[in-house]
């Protein structure tokens, strides 16, 4: 797929921005606060339904405004249009090819995307939430059933936590938890087993890529650490085992007003030479592992969907040393349509700009101006 145009209206600090990219490498330059990252975030939301920054879409309406809108046109085997509108206090509205859609699966994977931001450089040493988002970011695009299960699980988790707080405050009895427990366990088991299957296939790929990027000096590995116990590759067995655990944890959950086990507490452990990389890896080694993940993420999505994902690189070149800048440049030259943000071309280091289209983004501008 190729992105033809993007439009932003009242999105974050951007009252209006229109962008017509080229099919290959697009470099967006401008001062901090100009809206470069906002443009990439808008593309990510239109492609995957979520921000690579971890923020909620309803939080992105421009200050002083009541609604915002995003739109994109793309082409591939057939034309594709995606429109999103978000009003304050209302559910977002999505249209694909002028048809209203209500579920993630109805547009996930139509315009696949891989994002790489400074937060991803902390994938190895950062908090578990970032690694869960990385796993979800792949699976919601290649597995519609996973996207549906994740949406249901997140809704159930919010409702169950609200019920736990009501019980703690004396406004409800513990028995009200039973229907939420059953549903949460069912959806959580599906997510856990899907993640396990994905990591069994994806982990060795990242390990091999990391070994090559490090010049054979380091031997990395990825280990999925589910919060649920997994006695067998069977959703019912997983749900039953963890039903007993929920019962054992109930008193503590009520006191905290929070669900203590489930996929929302999973982690992915990066290892380096048989040691936990979070504690052992240097900054350079950790970033090589993160780069290996993103490289294989792009290839994995392409293999599963049969089309090249867009690549969004948000202000990462300035965070890398020359060797890793070169490796990232190699990733960009693989045929994907790519979008890179930098404050100026010097921040891109030694990367070749001869084949790139360079656009300037200005804080008060309404269009991305090509140089």
Protein backbone atom coordinates (compact mmCIF):
# COMPACT_ATOMS: atom_id res chain seq x y z
CA UNK A 1 0.00 0.00 0.00
CA UNK A 2 1.04 3.58 -0.64
CA UNK A 3 -0.21 6.55 1.34
CA UNK A 4 -1.38 9.30 -1.04
CA UNK A 5 -2.51 12.05 1.34
CA UNK A 6 -3.14 12.84 5.01
CA UNK A 7 -5.28 15.58 6.54
CA UNK A 8 -5.40 16.78 10.16
CA UNK A 9 -8.04 19.08 11.62
CA UNK A 10 -7.88 20.43 15.20
CA UNK A 11 -5.51 17.62 16.16
CA UNK A 12 -3.18 18.41 19.10
CA UNK A 13 -1.50 21.74 18.27
CA UNK A 14 -2.45 21.57 14.59
CA UNK A 15 -5.55 23.52 13.54
CA UNK A 16 -5.06 22.24 10.00
CA UNK A 17 -2.34 20.33 8.17
CA UNK A 18 -2.40 18.66 4.75
CA UNK A 19 0.37 16.42 3.49
CA UNK A 20 0.93 14.71 0.12
CA UNK A 21 3.90 12.33 0.48
CA UNK A 22 6.05 10.66 -2.16
CA UNK A 23 6.06 6.86 -2.65
CA UNK A 24 9.53 6.40 -1.12
CA UNK A 25 11.42 8.15 1.67
CA UNK A 26 9.82 11.29 3.14
CA UNK A 27 11.83 13.40 5.57
CA UNK A 28 9.93 15.93 7.70
CA UNK A 29 12.02 18.74 9.16
CA UNK A 30 11.11 21.61 11.44
CA UNK A 31 11.69 22.99 14.93
CA UNK A 32 10.46 21.24 18.06
CA UNK A 33 6.74 21.81 18.48
CA UNK A 34 6.12 22.34 14.78
CA UNK A 35 3.90 19.26 14.52
CA UNK A 36 6.20 16.70 12.86
CA UNK A 37 5.52 14.03 15.47
CA UNK A 38 1.81 14.88 15.46
CA UNK A 39 1.68 14.12 11.74
CA UNK A 40 3.31 10.71 12.25
CA UNK A 41 1.02 10.03 15.21
CA UNK A 42 -2.02 10.81 13.05
CA UNK A 43 -0.81 8.38 10.39
CA UNK A 44 -0.27 5.69 13.05
CA UNK A 45 -3.79 6.18 14.42
CA UNK A 46 -5.39 5.99 10.98
CA UNK A 47 -3.45 2.79 10.26
CA UNK A 48 -3.68 0.95 13.58
CA UNK A 49 -6.28 2.70 15.70
CA UNK A 50 -3.74 3.62 18.36
CA UNK A 51 -0.96 6.09 19.05
CA UNK A 52 2.64 4.91 19.24
CA UNK A 53 2.95 7.38 22.13
CA UNK A 54 0.46 5.42 24.23
CA UNK A 55 -2.05 8.29 24.49
CA UNK A 56 -5.83 7.99 24.10
CA UNK A 57 -7.31 9.44 20.91
CA UNK A 58 -9.91 11.38 22.90
CA UNK A 59 -7.05 13.30 24.55
CA UNK A 60 -5.81 14.67 21.21
CA UNK A 61 -8.51 17.25 20.45
CA UNK A 62 -6.95 20.69 20.10
CA UNK A 63 -7.35 22.91 23.17
CA UNK A 64 -10.45 25.05 22.94
CA UNK A 65 -12.07 22.82 20.31
CA UNK A 66 -14.89 20.30 20.63
CA UNK A 67 -13.80 17.79 18.00
CA UNK A 68 -10.98 16.73 15.74
CA UNK A 69 -10.75 14.85 12.44
CA UNK A 70 -8.14 12.79 10.61
CA UNK A 71 -8.30 11.49 7.03
CA UNK A 72 -6.09 9.51 4.68
CA UNK A 73 -6.20 8.29 1.09
CA UNK A 74 -4.14 5.30 -0.02
CA UNK A 75 -3.78 3.00 -3.01
CA UNK A 76 -2.76 -0.60 -3.47
CA UNK A 77 -4.70 -3.44 -5.03
CA UNK A 78 -7.70 -1.13 -4.59
CA UNK A 79 -8.24 2.47 -3.41
CA UNK A 80 -8.60 3.03 0.33
CA UNK A 81 -9.94 5.99 2.30
CA UNK A 82 -9.95 6.20 6.10
CA UNK A 83 -11.71 8.94 8.10
CA UNK A 84 -11.76 9.39 11.87
CA UNK A 85 -13.73 11.90 13.93
CA UNK A 86 -13.57 12.35 17.69
CA UNK A 87 -15.87 14.63 19.70
CA UNK A 88 -15.33 15.40 23.37
CA UNK A 89 -17.19 12.94 25.56
CA UNK A 90 -18.28 10.81 22.61
CA UNK A 91 -17.11 7.58 21.01
CA UNK A 92 -14.92 8.04 17.97
CA UNK A 93 -16.41 7.54 14.53
CA UNK A 94 -14.52 5.66 11.83
CA UNK A 95 -15.27 5.31 8.15
CA UNK A 96 -13.44 3.09 5.67
CA UNK A 97 -14.25 3.77 2.02
CA UNK A 98 -17.18 5.91 3.23
CA UNK A 99 -18.65 3.02 5.23
CA UNK A 100 -18.99 3.37 9.01
CA UNK A 101 -17.05 0.70 10.91
CA UNK A 102 -17.39 -0.15 14.58
CA UNK A 103 -14.70 -2.71 15.30
CA UNK A 104 -10.93 -2.68 15.00
CA UNK A 105 -10.92 -5.76 12.79
CA UNK A 106 -12.85 -3.92 10.09
CA UNK A 107 -9.86 -1.76 9.18
CA UNK A 108 -6.83 -3.31 10.90
CA UNK A 109 -4.21 -4.46 8.43
CA UNK A 110 -5.70 -2.54 5.50
CA UNK A 111 -2.88 0.01 5.77
CA UNK A 112 -0.23 -1.71 7.95
CA UNK A 113 2.36 0.35 9.79
CA UNK A 114 5.55 0.02 11.83
CA UNK A 115 6.53 2.90 14.11
CA UNK A 116 9.93 3.57 15.66
CA UNK A 117 10.19 6.37 18.23
CA UNK A 118 12.51 7.34 21.10
CA UNK A 119 10.19 5.37 23.40
CA UNK A 120 11.01 2.24 21.39
CA UNK A 121 14.70 2.74 22.11
CA UNK A 122 13.73 2.02 25.73
CA UNK A 123 11.97 -1.20 24.71
CA UNK A 124 14.58 -3.33 26.48
CA UNK A 125 15.19 -1.29 29.62
CA UNK A 126 11.84 0.49 29.94
CA UNK A 127 8.62 -0.49 31.67
CA UNK A 128 6.59 -3.63 30.76
CA UNK A 129 3.77 -1.50 29.34
CA UNK A 130 5.95 -0.47 26.42
CA UNK A 131 6.71 -4.08 25.56
CA UNK A 132 3.03 -5.04 25.78
CA UNK A 133 2.20 -2.19 23.39
CA UNK A 134 4.87 -3.47 21.01
CA UNK A 135 3.33 -6.96 20.98
CA UNK A 136 -0.20 -5.58 20.61
CA UNK A 137 0.94 -3.26 17.83
CA UNK A 138 1.90 -6.25 15.69
CA UNK A 139 -0.91 -8.63 16.56
CA UNK A 140 -3.85 -6.26 16.13
CA UNK A 141 -2.74 -5.71 12.52
CA UNK A 142 -2.22 -9.34 11.51
CA UNK A 143 -4.88 -11.12 13.62
CA UNK A 144 -8.44 -9.67 13.58
CA UNK A 145 -9.57 -12.11 16.31
CA UNK A 146 -6.81 -10.81 18.56
CA UNK A 147 -7.86 -7.21 17.91
CA UNK A 148 -11.43 -8.05 18.93
CA UNK A 149 -10.35 -9.98 22.03
CA UNK A 150 -8.04 -7.16 23.11
CA UNK A 151 -10.82 -4.56 22.81
CA UNK A 152 -13.20 -6.76 24.82
CA UNK A 153 -10.55 -7.48 27.46
CA UNK A 154 -9.68 -3.81 27.95
CA UNK A 155 -13.36 -2.92 28.38
CA UNK A 156 -13.92 -5.79 30.84
CA UNK A 157 -10.82 -4.82 32.80
CA UNK A 158 -12.08 -1.25 33.27
CA UNK A 159 -15.50 -2.53 34.36
CA UNK A 160 -14.07 -5.11 36.77
CA UNK A 161 -11.72 -2.58 38.36
CA UNK A 162 -14.67 -0.22 38.85
CA UNK A 163 -16.60 -3.07 40.53
CA UNK A 164 -13.63 -3.82 42.81
CA UNK A 165 -13.58 -0.18 43.94
CA UNK A 166 -17.33 -0.26 44.59
CA UNK A 167 -16.88 -3.36 46.76
CA UNK A 168 -14.01 -1.70 48.63
CA UNK A 169 -16.19 1.35 49.28
CA UNK A 170 -19.13 -0.74 50.48
CA UNK A 171 -21.32 0.05 47.49
CA UNK A 172 -21.47 -3.55 46.17
CA UNK A 173 -21.00 -7.14 47.30
CA UNK A 174 -18.13 -9.43 46.16
CA UNK A 175 -20.62 -11.67 44.36
CA UNK A 176 -21.04 -9.03 41.64
CA UNK A 177 -17.58 -9.96 40.34
CA UNK A 178 -18.56 -13.42 39.08
CA UNK A 179 -19.73 -12.46 35.54
CA UNK A 180 -16.70 -10.21 35.06
CA UNK A 181 -14.37 -12.94 36.29
CA UNK A 182 -15.69 -15.46 33.78
CA UNK A 183 -15.52 -13.06 30.83
CA UNK A 184 -12.12 -11.64 31.80
CA UNK A 185 -10.66 -15.14 32.11
CA UNK A 186 -12.07 -16.20 28.74
CA UNK A 187 -10.71 -13.19 26.83
CA UNK A 188 -7.47 -13.17 28.82
CA UNK A 189 -6.79 -16.81 27.97
CA UNK A 190 -7.22 -16.08 24.25
CA UNK A 191 -4.82 -13.13 24.44
CA UNK A 192 -2.25 -15.09 26.44
CA UNK A 193 -2.17 -18.04 24.05
CA UNK A 194 -2.05 -15.75 21.00
CA UNK A 195 0.90 -13.87 22.49
CA UNK A 196 2.66 -17.10 23.32
CA UNK A 197 2.26 -18.41 19.77
CA UNK A 198 3.48 -15.10 18.35
CA UNK A 199 6.53 -14.93 20.60
CA UNK A 200 7.45 -18.55 19.80
CA UNK A 201 7.67 -17.55 16.13
CA UNK A 202 8.90 -13.96 16.46
CA UNK A 203 11.47 -14.33 19.23
CA UNK A 204 13.96 -16.46 17.25
CA UNK A 205 13.74 -14.00 14.35
CA UNK A 206 14.70 -11.07 16.57
CA UNK A 207 17.47 -13.18 18.10
CA UNK A 208 18.93 -13.94 14.67
CA UNK A 209 18.64 -10.32 13.50
CA UNK A 210 20.26 -9.01 16.69
CA UNK A 211 23.14 -11.46 16.30
CA UNK A 212 23.76 -10.16 12.78
CA UNK A 213 23.46 -6.48 13.70
CA UNK A 214 25.94 -6.91 16.55
CA UNK A 215 28.47 -8.51 14.20
CA UNK A 216 28.10 -11.82 16.02
CA UNK A 217 29.39 -10.36 19.28
CA UNK A 218 26.18 -10.78 21.31
CA UNK A 219 23.59 -13.52 21.59
CA UNK A 220 20.15 -12.18 22.41
CA UNK A 221 16.85 -13.90 23.15
CA UNK A 222 13.23 -13.02 23.94
CA UNK A 223 11.14 -14.79 26.58
CA UNK A 224 7.41 -14.23 27.04
CA UNK A 225 6.46 -13.88 30.72
CA UNK A 226 2.66 -14.21 30.96
CA UNK A 227 0.85 -13.14 34.11
CA UNK A 228 -1.63 -15.99 33.70
CA UNK A 229 -0.40 -19.49 34.42
CA UNK A 230 -0.46 -21.55 31.21
CA UNK A 231 -0.80 -25.28 32.04
CA UNK A 232 -1.65 -26.23 28.45
CA UNK A 233 -2.31 -24.66 25.04
CA UNK A 234 -6.03 -24.73 25.73
CA UNK A 235 -8.11 -21.63 26.57
CA UNK A 236 -10.39 -23.53 28.95
CA UNK A 237 -7.44 -24.95 30.90
CA UNK A 238 -5.85 -21.51 31.16
CA UNK A 239 -9.13 -19.94 32.31
CA UNK A 240 -9.79 -22.62 34.93
CA UNK A 241 -6.28 -22.50 36.40
CA UNK A 242 -6.42 -18.74 36.76
CA UNK A 243 -9.98 -18.70 38.09
CA UNK A 244 -8.60 -20.29 41.25
CA UNK A 245 -5.84 -17.68 41.38
CA UNK A 246 -8.37 -14.86 41.11
CA UNK A 247 -10.26 -16.32 44.07
CA UNK A 248 -7.05 -16.45 46.12
CA UNK A 249 -6.22 -12.83 45.24
CA UNK A 250 -9.69 -11.39 45.77
CA UNK A 251 -9.07 -9.77 49.15
CA UNK A 252 -5.98 -7.98 47.87
CA UNK A 253 -7.71 -6.91 44.65
CA UNK A 254 -10.59 -5.37 46.58
CA UNK A 255 -8.19 -3.48 48.84
CA UNK A 256 -6.33 -2.07 45.84
CA UNK A 257 -9.33 -1.66 43.55
CA UNK A 258 -7.33 -3.29 40.76
CA UNK A 259 -7.10 -6.63 38.92
CA UNK A 260 -3.78 -8.25 39.86
CA UNK A 261 -3.37 -10.91 37.17
CA UNK A 262 -4.04 -11.03 33.45
CA UNK A 263 -2.52 -10.03 30.11
CA UNK A 264 -2.40 -6.38 31.24
CA UNK A 265 0.46 -7.49 33.51
CA UNK A 266 2.41 -9.57 30.98
CA UNK A 267 6.01 -8.84 30.07
CA UNK A 268 8.54 -9.77 27.40
CA UNK A 269 12.00 -10.41 28.80
CA UNK A 270 14.97 -9.55 26.62
CA UNK A 271 18.05 -11.63 27.39
CA UNK A 272 21.65 -11.10 26.36
CA UNK A 273 24.15 -13.95 26.63
CA UNK A 274 21.77 -15.78 29.02
CA UNK A 275 21.40 -12.78 31.34
CA UNK A 276 18.48 -10.36 31.71
CA UNK A 277 19.27 -7.53 29.30
CA UNK A 278 17.42 -4.90 31.34
CA UNK A 279 20.13 -5.13 33.99
CA UNK A 280 23.12 -6.22 31.91
CA UNK A 281 22.93 -4.60 28.46
CA UNK A 282 24.76 -1.40 27.62
CA UNK A 283 22.76 1.39 26.00
CA UNK A 284 24.16 0.42 22.61
CA UNK A 285 23.31 -3.27 23.08
CA UNK A 286 19.78 -2.41 24.21
CA UNK A 287 19.25 -0.23 21.15
CA UNK A 288 20.52 -2.95 18.85
CA UNK A 289 17.93 -5.31 20.36
CA UNK A 290 15.21 -2.69 19.82
CA UNK A 291 16.33 -2.14 16.22
CA UNK A 292 16.30 -5.91 15.63
CA UNK A 293 12.71 -6.05 16.94
CA UNK A 294 11.55 -3.27 14.62
CA UNK A 295 13.37 -4.74 11.62
CA UNK A 296 11.70 -8.11 12.10
CA UNK A 297 8.35 -6.49 12.91
CA UNK A 298 8.33 -4.95 9.46
CA UNK A 299 9.21 -8.25 7.76
CA UNK A 300 6.75 -10.26 9.87
CA UNK A 301 3.83 -7.96 9.03
CA UNK A 302 4.75 -8.01 5.35
CA UNK A 303 4.84 -11.83 5.32
CA UNK A 304 1.54 -12.20 7.18
CA UNK A 305 -0.41 -9.62 5.16
CA UNK A 306 1.35 -9.84 1.81
CA UNK A 307 1.98 -6.09 1.61
CA UNK A 308 4.68 -3.73 2.78
CA UNK A 309 3.85 -1.71 5.90
CA UNK A 310 4.48 2.01 6.14
CA UNK A 311 7.53 2.86 8.26
CA UNK A 312 7.28 5.81 10.67
CA UNK A 313 10.51 6.91 12.35
CA UNK A 314 9.90 9.68 14.84
CA UNK A 315 13.03 11.57 15.94
CA UNK A 316 15.21 8.48 16.42
CA UNK A 317 18.26 9.29 14.29
CA UNK A 318 19.56 11.88 16.75
CA UNK A 319 19.46 9.23 19.49
CA UNK A 320 21.69 6.73 17.66
CA UNK A 321 25.43 6.46 17.09
CA UNK A 322 26.76 6.43 13.49
CA UNK A 323 26.83 2.62 13.20
CA UNK A 324 23.21 2.23 14.24
CA UNK A 325 22.16 5.15 12.07
CA UNK A 326 23.63 3.22 9.16
CA UNK A 327 21.74 0.07 10.16
CA UNK A 328 18.51 2.03 10.41
CA UNK A 329 19.16 3.57 6.99
CA UNK A 330 19.52 0.04 5.59
CA UNK A 331 16.08 -0.72 7.02
CA UNK A 332 14.65 2.29 5.16
CA UNK A 333 15.97 1.20 1.79
CA UNK A 334 13.99 -2.04 1.64
CA UNK A 335 11.18 -0.75 -0.55
CA UNK A 336 8.73 0.57 2.04
CA UNK A 337 7.17 4.02 2.01
CA UNK A 338 8.90 5.70 4.96
CA UNK A 339 8.41 8.84 7.01
CA UNK A 340 11.25 10.28 9.12
CA UNK A 341 11.16 13.31 11.42
CA UNK A 342 14.25 15.36 12.29
CA UNK A 343 14.77 18.90 13.59
CA UNK A 344 17.19 19.54 10.70
CA UNK A 345 19.10 17.44 8.20
CA UNK A 346 22.26 17.48 10.32
CA UNK A 347 20.36 15.45 12.94
CA UNK A 348 20.10 12.70 10.34
CA UNK A 349 23.83 12.24 10.48
CA UNK A 350 25.48 10.38 7.63
CA UNK A 351 22.26 9.06 6.13
CA UNK A 352 21.96 9.64 2.38
CA UNK A 353 19.32 12.25 1.47
CA UNK A 354 19.69 12.14 -2.31
CA UNK A 355 16.76 9.75 -2.74
CA UNK A 356 14.57 11.43 -0.11
CA UNK A 357 11.80 14.00 -0.46
CA UNK A 358 12.31 16.65 2.21
CA UNK A 359 9.31 18.54 3.62
CA UNK A 360 9.28 21.49 6.00
CA UNK A 361 6.69 21.63 8.78
CA UNK A 362 5.96 25.01 10.37
CA UNK A 363 3.96 25.58 13.58
CA UNK A 364 1.46 27.89 11.90
CA UNK A 365 1.54 26.18 8.52
CA UNK A 366 -1.38 24.40 6.87
CA UNK A 367 0.68 22.33 4.45
CA UNK A 368 3.87 20.30 4.49
CA UNK A 369 6.07 22.27 2.07
CA UNK A 370 8.44 20.26 -0.10
CA UNK A 371 11.91 21.73 -0.51
